Amino acid sequence: MAEAGEDVVQAVDEADKDPYLNSQADLTSMSRSETAEFEGRSTLMGSTEAQSIPTEEDYLLQAAFNILYTVPRAIEHFIDREYKGGFIKAIRDHKDKLKARLKTEEWDLLTKLIVHHRLYHFYDQIIQDTILDNEVLDLLISRCILRKEDRAEIEHHPRQSDRNKCILDLLIQRPEDSCNVLLEVLKESPTCSTDLIECIESQQFSHLKVVSQSKVKSCITGFHSVRLQKNYHNLTQNLTNTESIIDSLISKGVLDPDDRAEINSTGVQAKINRKLIDKIRSKQDYLCFVEALQEDHTNSKIVSDLESMDVTQDELNLLDTETTVPQLTNRPGFQTMVTLVSMVKAVQVSDTEPESNDTRLAADLYILQSWYKRIIKITTMDSHQYQQFVQTVKEIVVRFDGNNGPGVEETSLNTGTNKHVQKILNGLKGNLSNLNLC
């Protein structure tokens, strides 16, 4: 590989070291299903937002969205198509140069992207075509890949697709290859089509070994919590006579009388069981719970299952609430993708502006970087500037990706997306002193 690729983006080398530029956490942590909404579906001209006259701030945020989200995705698709072996192999083959050029957090993202590639690959399809928050979630908790405390965060979302997305995002945050665990669980559940399962199974990737940067301070979780989790699916499906268990736990001070109404609110036994189990939070709660089960012979098998469950040190570490698992974004950011494509194609970007009819990759990268730097520095963008941006960037994106990838957005973004983009821009502008912007 020619060394010329290492000289690319010299004008913004410092940007490669900036966490805001690389991770763009608040933008790319949104699911692709969410971005699909503001890539056309949620911005139909019949909506009130779409009918309003865009302001200069709106134009700037729209341009920023395209340069921060659409352009990196187009470059990713370009690499996936042009590089033999695809995007993931490109990362592997250039890992030494990437590690030297990128900030540690961004390289960690690329490493984990390889590990979780199958989850990313089927992300949208899993979100739209499955139900993950009932039995599947019970099984994931029982496999100790998720924590029972995660259910509260998942159930906070009102829509099924959002709950599915939350579960996938939590799985992606795990340092392990959680796709294999999910696949095993989906096979046990009637909510996933066999076609999807076969597609996931057919994607065979040799994953890089990822060493978790988590530091386990102590086994705060404890044997009782792991036993409760590993029996979570068993408990939700088979726990009976919950009224007497609730009575016993109230008498022991584990529950308050008001907890009864909350636990019984759904009227569905499996959901009642889940809510009851979620109230068992400490070792003392667990001991009282086991005592309450022992008082009723119908639950004797569950008591035996709980007390006989083997617990490994790895399981204790995995569920330790003090373990810090790095938060991941969904995809790499602008600077990372420009750096990677420069290495893959061995291009060097000139310090001078290319001719208007120059359609080489080096010229396209120069233009994209120029817009990227300009958008970071300015506070507003008028209609003429915006139209110039759209025309230029759309032509480049088409050269990168044809008509198969994310198109350049030209209609107004929804309010929620505007807030995400504005937050990112504020972070970028707040770090201007660290950037070598011309």
Foldseek 3Di string as FASTA:
>chain_A
DDPQLLQAPPLWLLLLQDPLQKFLFLQQQDDPVVVVCQLPVVQDCVDPQLVDDDDQLLLLLLLLCCLWPVVLQLLQQLQQVPPVVGNLVLCVVCVVSLVVRHHPVNSLQSQLCLLAVLCLVCVVVCLVQFQCLALVVLQCLLVLLDPLVCSVVLVVDDDRSSSSSSVSQSSSLDLHSCVVVSLVSVVVDPGHDPVVSVVSVVDDDDHDRDDFPWDQPDLQCDLLRSLCRNCRSVQLVQPDPVVQLVVQCCVVVLDPPVLVCVLCVVVDSSSSSSSVSVSQRDPVSSVSSLVSLVVDPSNVVVSVSSVPDDDDPVSSRSPRPRIDRDRHGSDTTNVSSSSSVSVSVVDHADPDQDDPPDLDPSNLSVVSVLSVLVSLPDSGHDPVRSVVSLVSVQVNSCVSHNPPGRGSRDTGGDPVSSVSSVVSSVVSNVCVVSTSRD
